[in-house]
Amino acid sequence: MHLLVELATSDIVTRDSDQQVWFSSFFWYVVTAIGLWPMLVKAGIPGWGALIPIYNIYLQVKLAGHRGWLTLLYFVPLVNLVVAIVVAVGLARAFGRGAVYGFFLHFLLQPIGFLITGFGPSRYDAAHR
């Protein structure tokens, strides 16, 4: 009997943790899209592109001054980390910020960085990419 109770409670805990992971991932995506929208508008690109999952990565790569095929490298494990850092630093430079800003706020804390860049005084300058 004790084993059945233990199995039932472990299943409940697993479902609860799955829901928490799903909710936090969804929240991260929504806040990132909200911050990316004004960044795209500042660059002269329609903001709705921030809502489409892989297309928004493509747009980030283009804003950072790289070719669009670099988006495919996001699907290669470990390589995607390097590419994401390069794109984050490129995005920061395109909006007049430094590499440290790009690493910490566009890579590690992406939603916060996108909100600051999108709604802040930063302006997009393609020459600084």
N, C-alpha and C. Protein backbone atom coordinates (compact mmCIF):
# COMPACT_ATOMS: atom_id res chain seq x y z
N MET A 1 0.82 -1.19 0.00
CA MET A 1 0.00 0.00 0.00
C MET A 1 0.86 1.25 0.00
N HIS A 2 1.91 1.23 0.78
CA HIS A 2 2.80 2.38 0.87
C HIS A 2 3.43 2.69 -0.50
N LEU A 3 3.76 1.65 -1.24
CA LEU A 3 4.36 1.82 -2.56
C LEU A 3 3.39 2.50 -3.52
N LEU A 4 2.09 2.15 -3.46
CA LEU A 4 1.10 2.78 -4.33
C LEU A 4 0.95 4.27 -4.03
N VAL A 5 0.96 4.64 -2.78
CA VAL A 5 0.86 6.05 -2.40
C VAL A 5 2.08 6.81 -2.89
N GLU A 6 3.23 6.19 -2.76
CA GLU A 6 4.47 6.82 -3.20
C GLU A 6 4.47 7.03 -4.71
N LEU A 7 4.03 6.03 -5.47
CA LEU A 7 3.96 6.16 -6.92
C LEU A 7 2.96 7.23 -7.35
N ALA A 8 1.84 7.29 -6.69
CA ALA A 8 0.82 8.28 -7.04
C ALA A 8 1.31 9.70 -6.76
N THR A 9 1.96 9.91 -5.64
CA THR A 9 2.44 11.25 -5.33
C THR A 9 3.60 11.65 -6.23
N SER A 10 4.44 10.71 -6.62
CA SER A 10 5.55 11.06 -7.52
C SER A 10 5.02 11.45 -8.89
N ASP A 11 3.91 10.84 -9.33
CA ASP A 11 3.30 11.21 -10.61
C ASP A 11 2.73 12.62 -10.55
N ILE A 12 2.13 12.98 -9.42
CA ILE A 12 1.56 14.32 -9.24
C ILE A 12 2.68 15.36 -9.25
N VAL A 13 3.75 15.06 -8.56
CA VAL A 13 4.89 15.99 -8.52
C VAL A 13 5.47 16.17 -9.91
N THR A 14 5.58 15.10 -10.68
CA THR A 14 6.12 15.19 -12.04
C THR A 14 5.23 16.05 -12.92
N ARG A 15 3.91 15.85 -12.84
CA ARG A 15 2.99 16.67 -13.64
C ARG A 15 3.07 18.13 -13.25
N ASP A 16 3.17 18.41 -11.95
CA ASP A 16 3.28 19.79 -11.50
C ASP A 16 4.55 20.44 -12.00
N SER A 17 5.66 19.72 -11.95
CA SER A 17 6.92 20.30 -12.41
C SER A 17 6.90 20.48 -13.93
N ASP A 18 6.25 19.59 -14.66
CA ASP A 18 6.12 19.76 -16.11
C ASP A 18 5.32 21.02 -16.43
N GLN A 19 4.27 21.26 -15.68
CA GLN A 19 3.46 22.46 -15.89
C GLN A 19 4.25 23.72 -15.56
N GLN A 20 5.07 23.66 -14.53
CA GLN A 20 5.88 24.82 -14.17
C GLN A 20 6.92 25.12 -15.24
N VAL A 21 7.53 24.08 -15.79
CA VAL A 21 8.50 24.27 -16.87
C VAL A 21 7.81 24.85 -18.09
N TRP A 22 6.65 24.32 -18.44
CA TRP A 22 5.91 24.83 -19.60
C TRP A 22 5.54 26.30 -19.39
N PHE A 23 5.03 26.63 -18.22
CA PHE A 23 4.61 28.01 -17.95
C PHE A 23 5.80 28.96 -17.98
N SER A 24 6.91 28.59 -17.36
CA SER A 24 8.07 29.48 -17.35
C SER A 24 8.66 29.64 -18.75
N SER A 25 8.66 28.59 -19.56
CA SER A 25 9.12 28.70 -20.95
C SER A 25 8.21 29.60 -21.76
N PHE A 26 6.91 29.44 -21.59
CA PHE A 26 5.96 30.27 -22.31
C PHE A 26 6.08 31.74 -21.89
N PHE A 27 6.26 31.97 -20.59
CA PHE A 27 6.43 33.34 -20.08
C PHE A 27 7.70 33.96 -20.65
N TRP A 28 8.80 33.21 -20.68
CA TRP A 28 10.07 33.69 -21.24
C TRP A 28 9.87 34.08 -22.70
N TYR A 29 9.18 33.24 -23.47
CA TYR A 29 8.95 33.51 -24.90
C TYR A 29 8.10 34.76 -25.09
N VAL A 30 7.03 34.92 -24.32
CA VAL A 30 6.14 36.07 -24.47
C VAL A 30 6.88 37.36 -24.14
N VAL A 31 7.62 37.39 -23.05
CA VAL A 31 8.34 38.61 -22.67
C VAL A 31 9.43 38.92 -23.71
N THR A 32 10.09 37.90 -24.23
CA THR A 32 11.09 38.12 -25.28
C THR A 32 10.43 38.71 -26.53
N ALA A 33 9.28 38.19 -26.92
CA ALA A 33 8.57 38.70 -28.10
C ALA A 33 8.12 40.14 -27.89
N ILE A 34 7.68 40.46 -26.68
CA ILE A 34 7.25 41.83 -26.37
C ILE A 34 8.44 42.79 -26.49
N GLY A 35 9.62 42.37 -26.05
CA GLY A 35 10.80 43.22 -26.16
C GLY A 35 11.36 43.28 -27.56
N LEU A 36 11.25 42.19 -28.31
CA LEU A 36 11.78 42.15 -29.67
C LEU A 36 10.94 42.98 -30.63
N TRP A 37 9.64 43.06 -30.40
CA TRP A 37 8.74 43.79 -31.29
C TRP A 37 9.22 45.23 -31.53
N PRO A 38 9.43 46.06 -30.48
CA PRO A 38 9.89 47.44 -30.74
C PRO A 38 11.31 47.51 -31.32
N MET A 39 12.13 46.50 -31.05
CA MET A 39 13.46 46.48 -31.65
C MET A 39 13.34 46.35 -33.16
N LEU A 40 12.45 45.47 -33.61
CA LEU A 40 12.24 45.30 -35.03
C LEU A 40 11.66 46.56 -35.66
N VAL A 41 10.73 47.19 -34.97
CA VAL A 41 10.13 48.43 -35.48
C VAL A 41 11.19 49.52 -35.61
N LYS A 42 12.10 49.62 -34.64
CA LYS A 42 13.18 50.61 -34.71
C LYS A 42 14.07 50.36 -35.93
N ALA A 43 14.19 49.10 -36.33
CA ALA A 43 15.03 48.75 -37.47
C ALA A 43 14.27 48.81 -38.79
N GLY A 44 13.00 49.18 -38.74
CA GLY A 44 12.20 49.29 -39.96
C GLY A 44 11.61 47.98 -40.45
N ILE A 45 11.51 47.00 -39.57
CA ILE A 45 10.94 45.69 -39.89
C ILE A 45 9.62 45.58 -39.15
N PRO A 46 8.58 45.01 -39.78
CA PRO A 46 7.30 44.86 -39.07
C PRO A 46 7.47 44.05 -37.78
N GLY A 47 6.87 44.53 -36.70
CA GLY A 47 7.03 43.93 -35.39
C GLY A 47 6.44 42.55 -35.24
N TRP A 48 5.45 42.19 -36.07
CA TRP A 48 4.81 40.88 -35.93
C TRP A 48 5.81 39.74 -36.13
N GLY A 49 6.95 40.01 -36.73
CA GLY A 49 7.97 38.98 -36.92
C GLY A 49 8.50 38.43 -35.60
N ALA A 50 8.33 39.18 -34.52
CA ALA A 50 8.78 38.73 -33.21
C ALA A 50 7.94 37.58 -32.68
N LEU A 51 6.75 37.39 -33.21
CA LEU A 51 5.84 36.37 -32.70
C LEU A 51 6.06 34.99 -33.32
N ILE A 52 6.73 34.91 -34.45
CA ILE A 52 6.90 33.65 -35.16
C ILE A 52 8.23 33.02 -34.73
N PRO A 53 8.19 31.82 -34.13
CA PRO A 53 9.35 31.26 -33.46
C PRO A 53 10.68 31.22 -34.20
N ILE A 54 10.81 30.62 -35.34
CA ILE A 54 12.12 30.52 -35.98
C ILE A 54 12.40 31.77 -36.81
N TYR A 55 11.36 32.37 -37.33
CA TYR A 55 11.51 33.60 -38.10
C TYR A 55 12.09 34.72 -37.24
N ASN A 56 11.74 34.77 -35.95
CA ASN A 56 12.29 35.83 -35.10
C ASN A 56 13.80 35.65 -34.88
N ILE A 57 14.27 34.44 -34.87
CA ILE A 57 15.71 34.20 -34.78
C ILE A 57 16.39 34.66 -36.06
N TYR A 58 15.77 34.34 -37.20
CA TYR A 58 16.29 34.79 -38.49
C TYR A 58 16.40 36.32 -38.52
N LEU A 59 15.37 37.00 -38.03
CA LEU A 59 15.40 38.46 -38.01
C LEU A 59 16.49 38.99 -37.08
N GLN A 60 16.71 38.33 -35.96
CA GLN A 60 17.79 38.74 -35.06
C GLN A 60 19.15 38.60 -35.75
N VAL A 61 19.33 37.50 -36.46
CA VAL A 61 20.58 37.27 -37.18
C VAL A 61 20.79 38.36 -38.22
N LYS A 62 19.74 38.70 -38.95
CA LYS A 62 19.84 39.76 -39.97
C LYS A 62 20.13 41.12 -39.33
N LEU A 63 19.47 41.44 -38.21
CA LEU A 63 19.71 42.71 -37.52
C LEU A 63 21.15 42.79 -37.02
N ALA A 64 21.71 41.66 -36.63
CA ALA A 64 23.08 41.65 -36.12
C ALA A 64 24.10 41.79 -37.24
N GLY A 65 23.65 41.78 -38.49
CA GLY A 65 24.54 41.99 -39.61
C GLY A 65 25.13 40.73 -40.21
N HIS A 66 24.52 39.59 -39.94
CA HIS A 66 25.02 38.32 -40.48
C HIS A 66 24.07 37.81 -41.55
N ARG A 67 24.54 36.83 -42.29
CA ARG A 67 23.71 36.23 -43.33
C ARG A 67 22.66 35.32 -42.70
N GLY A 68 21.53 35.19 -43.38
CA GLY A 68 20.41 34.45 -42.85
C GLY A 68 20.66 32.97 -42.63
N TRP A 69 21.57 32.36 -43.39
CA TRP A 69 21.82 30.93 -43.23
C TRP A 69 22.39 30.59 -41.85
N LEU A 70 22.94 31.60 -41.17
CA LEU A 70 23.48 31.38 -39.83
C LEU A 70 22.39 30.88 -38.87
N THR A 71 21.13 31.14 -39.21
CA THR A 71 20.01 30.66 -38.40
C THR A 71 20.02 29.13 -38.30
N LEU A 72 20.46 28.46 -39.34
CA LEU A 72 20.50 26.99 -39.33
C LEU A 72 21.44 26.45 -38.26
N LEU A 73 22.47 27.22 -37.91
CA LEU A 73 23.41 26.76 -36.90
C LEU A 73 22.81 26.75 -35.50
N TYR A 74 21.66 27.38 -35.32
CA TYR A 74 20.97 27.32 -34.03
C TYR A 74 20.46 25.90 -33.74
N PHE A 75 20.40 25.05 -34.75
CA PHE A 75 19.91 23.69 -34.57
C PHE A 75 21.03 22.69 -34.29
N VAL A 76 22.29 23.16 -34.27
CA VAL A 76 23.44 22.29 -34.00
C VAL A 76 23.85 22.46 -32.54
N PRO A 77 23.78 21.38 -31.76
CA PRO A 77 24.13 21.49 -30.34
C PRO A 77 25.55 22.02 -30.13
N LEU A 78 25.72 22.81 -29.11
CA LEU A 78 26.95 23.47 -28.69
C LEU A 78 27.36 24.59 -29.66
N VAL A 79 27.22 24.37 -30.94
CA VAL A 79 27.50 25.44 -31.91
C VAL A 79 26.49 26.56 -31.72
N ASN A 80 25.26 26.18 -31.37
CA ASN A 80 24.21 27.19 -31.20
C ASN A 80 24.53 28.17 -30.08
N LEU A 81 25.25 27.74 -29.07
CA LEU A 81 25.65 28.65 -27.99
C LEU A 81 26.61 29.72 -28.49
N VAL A 82 27.58 29.30 -29.28
CA VAL A 82 28.54 30.25 -29.84
C VAL A 82 27.85 31.22 -30.79
N VAL A 83 26.99 30.69 -31.65
CA VAL A 83 26.27 31.53 -32.60
C VAL A 83 25.35 32.50 -31.87
N ALA A 84 24.69 32.04 -30.83
CA ALA A 84 23.79 32.92 -30.06
C ALA A 84 24.56 34.06 -29.41
N ILE A 85 25.76 33.79 -28.92
CA ILE A 85 26.58 34.85 -28.33
C ILE A 85 27.02 35.85 -29.40
N VAL A 86 27.45 35.34 -30.55
CA VAL A 86 27.88 36.22 -31.65
C VAL A 86 26.72 37.10 -32.10
N VAL A 87 25.54 36.53 -32.24
CA VAL A 87 24.37 37.30 -32.65
C VAL A 87 23.96 38.30 -31.57
N ALA A 88 24.03 37.92 -30.31
CA ALA A 88 23.67 38.83 -29.22
C ALA A 88 24.60 40.03 -29.19
N VAL A 89 25.88 39.81 -29.36
CA VAL A 89 26.84 40.92 -29.37
C VAL A 89 26.62 41.78 -30.61
N GLY A 90 26.33 41.16 -31.74
CA GLY A 90 26.03 41.93 -32.96
C GLY A 90 24.78 42.78 -32.82
N LEU A 91 23.77 42.23 -32.18
CA LEU A 91 22.54 43.00 -31.92
C LEU A 91 22.83 44.21 -31.03
N ALA A 92 23.61 43.98 -29.99
CA ALA A 92 23.94 45.08 -29.08
C ALA A 92 24.70 46.18 -29.83
N ARG A 93 25.64 45.80 -30.65
CA ARG A 93 26.40 46.80 -31.41
C ARG A 93 25.53 47.53 -32.41
N ALA A 94 24.58 46.82 -33.01
CA ALA A 94 23.68 47.46 -33.97
C ALA A 94 22.79 48.50 -33.31
N PHE A 95 22.57 48.36 -32.02
CA PHE A 95 21.75 49.32 -31.29
C PHE A 95 22.61 50.25 -30.43
N GLY A 96 23.90 50.33 -30.73
CA GLY A 96 24.78 51.28 -30.06
C GLY A 96 25.25 50.87 -28.68
N ARG A 97 25.22 49.61 -28.39
CA ARG A 97 25.66 49.11 -27.08
C ARG A 97 26.95 48.31 -27.26
N GLY A 98 27.59 47.95 -26.16
CA GLY A 98 28.85 47.22 -26.20
C GLY A 98 28.67 45.72 -26.14
N ALA A 99 29.81 45.03 -26.22
CA ALA A 99 29.81 43.57 -26.22
C ALA A 99 29.38 42.99 -24.86
N VAL A 100 29.77 43.65 -23.78
CA VAL A 100 29.39 43.15 -22.45
C VAL A 100 27.88 43.24 -22.28
N TYR A 101 27.30 44.35 -22.72
CA TYR A 101 25.84 44.52 -22.69
C TYR A 101 25.19 43.40 -23.51
N GLY A 102 25.73 43.13 -24.69
CA GLY A 102 25.19 42.09 -25.55
C GLY A 102 25.25 40.71 -24.91
N PHE A 103 26.38 40.41 -24.28
CA PHE A 103 26.51 39.09 -23.67
C PHE A 103 25.56 38.91 -22.51
N PHE A 104 25.55 39.87 -21.60
CA PHE A 104 24.74 39.69 -20.39
C PHE A 104 23.26 39.94 -20.62
N LEU A 105 22.91 40.96 -21.40
CA LEU A 105 21.49 41.29 -21.53
C LEU A 105 20.83 40.78 -22.81
N HIS A 106 21.59 40.46 -23.82
CA HIS A 106 20.96 39.90 -25.02
C HIS A 106 21.16 38.40 -25.13
N PHE A 107 22.10 37.86 -24.35
CA PHE A 107 22.30 36.41 -24.36
C PHE A 107 21.80 35.76 -23.08
N LEU A 108 22.35 36.15 -21.94
CA LEU A 108 21.97 35.50 -20.68
C LEU A 108 20.58 35.89 -20.19
N LEU A 109 20.25 37.16 -20.26
CA LEU A 109 18.96 37.66 -19.78
C LEU A 109 18.19 38.29 -20.95
N GLN A 110 17.96 37.51 -21.97
CA GLN A 110 17.40 38.01 -23.22
C GLN A 110 16.11 38.81 -23.08
N PRO A 111 15.12 38.35 -22.35
CA PRO A 111 13.89 39.15 -22.25
C PRO A 111 14.13 40.54 -21.67
N ILE A 112 14.94 40.61 -20.62
CA ILE A 112 15.21 41.89 -19.99
C ILE A 112 15.99 42.80 -20.94
N GLY A 113 17.00 42.24 -21.59
CA GLY A 113 17.79 43.03 -22.54
C GLY A 113 16.97 43.53 -23.71
N PHE A 114 16.09 42.68 -24.22
CA PHE A 114 15.24 43.11 -25.34
C PHE A 114 14.26 44.19 -24.90
N LEU A 115 13.73 44.09 -23.69
CA LEU A 115 12.83 45.12 -23.19
C LEU A 115 13.56 46.45 -23.04
N ILE A 116 14.77 46.42 -22.49
CA ILE A 116 15.55 47.65 -22.32
C ILE A 116 15.91 48.25 -23.68
N THR A 117 16.37 47.43 -24.59
CA THR A 117 16.75 47.93 -25.91
C THR A 117 15.54 48.39 -26.70
N GLY A 118 14.46 47.63 -26.65
CA GLY A 118 13.27 47.96 -27.44
C GLY A 118 12.55 49.19 -26.96
N PHE A 119 12.38 49.31 -25.66
CA PHE A 119 11.61 50.43 -25.13
C PHE A 119 12.49 51.59 -24.64
N GLY A 120 13.80 51.41 -24.67
CA GLY A 120 14.72 52.45 -24.23
C GLY A 120 15.09 53.40 -25.35
N PRO A 121 16.07 54.25 -25.11
CA PRO A 121 16.45 55.27 -26.09
C PRO A 121 17.35 54.77 -27.22
N SER A 122 17.70 53.49 -27.23
CA SER A 122 18.60 52.96 -28.26
C SER A 122 18.00 53.13 -29.65
N ARG A 123 18.87 53.42 -30.59
CA ARG A 123 18.46 53.54 -31.99
C ARG A 123 19.24 52.53 -32.84
N TYR A 124 18.58 51.98 -33.83
CA TYR A 124 19.21 51.01 -34.70
C TYR A 124 20.07 51.73 -35.71
N ASP A 125 21.31 51.29 -35.83
CA ASP A 125 22.25 51.85 -36.80
C ASP A 125 22.95 50.69 -37.49
N ALA A 126 22.59 50.45 -38.75
CA ALA A 126 23.14 49.31 -39.48
C ALA A 126 24.64 49.46 -39.68
N ALA A 127 25.17 50.65 -39.61
CA ALA A 127 26.61 50.86 -39.82
C ALA A 127 27.46 50.33 -38.66
N HIS A 128 26.89 50.22 -37.48
CA HIS A 128 27.66 49.76 -36.32
C HIS A 128 27.59 48.26 -36.11
N ARG A 129 27.05 47.53 -37.02
CA ARG A 129 26.95 46.07 -36.88
C ARG A 129 28.28 45.52 -37.07
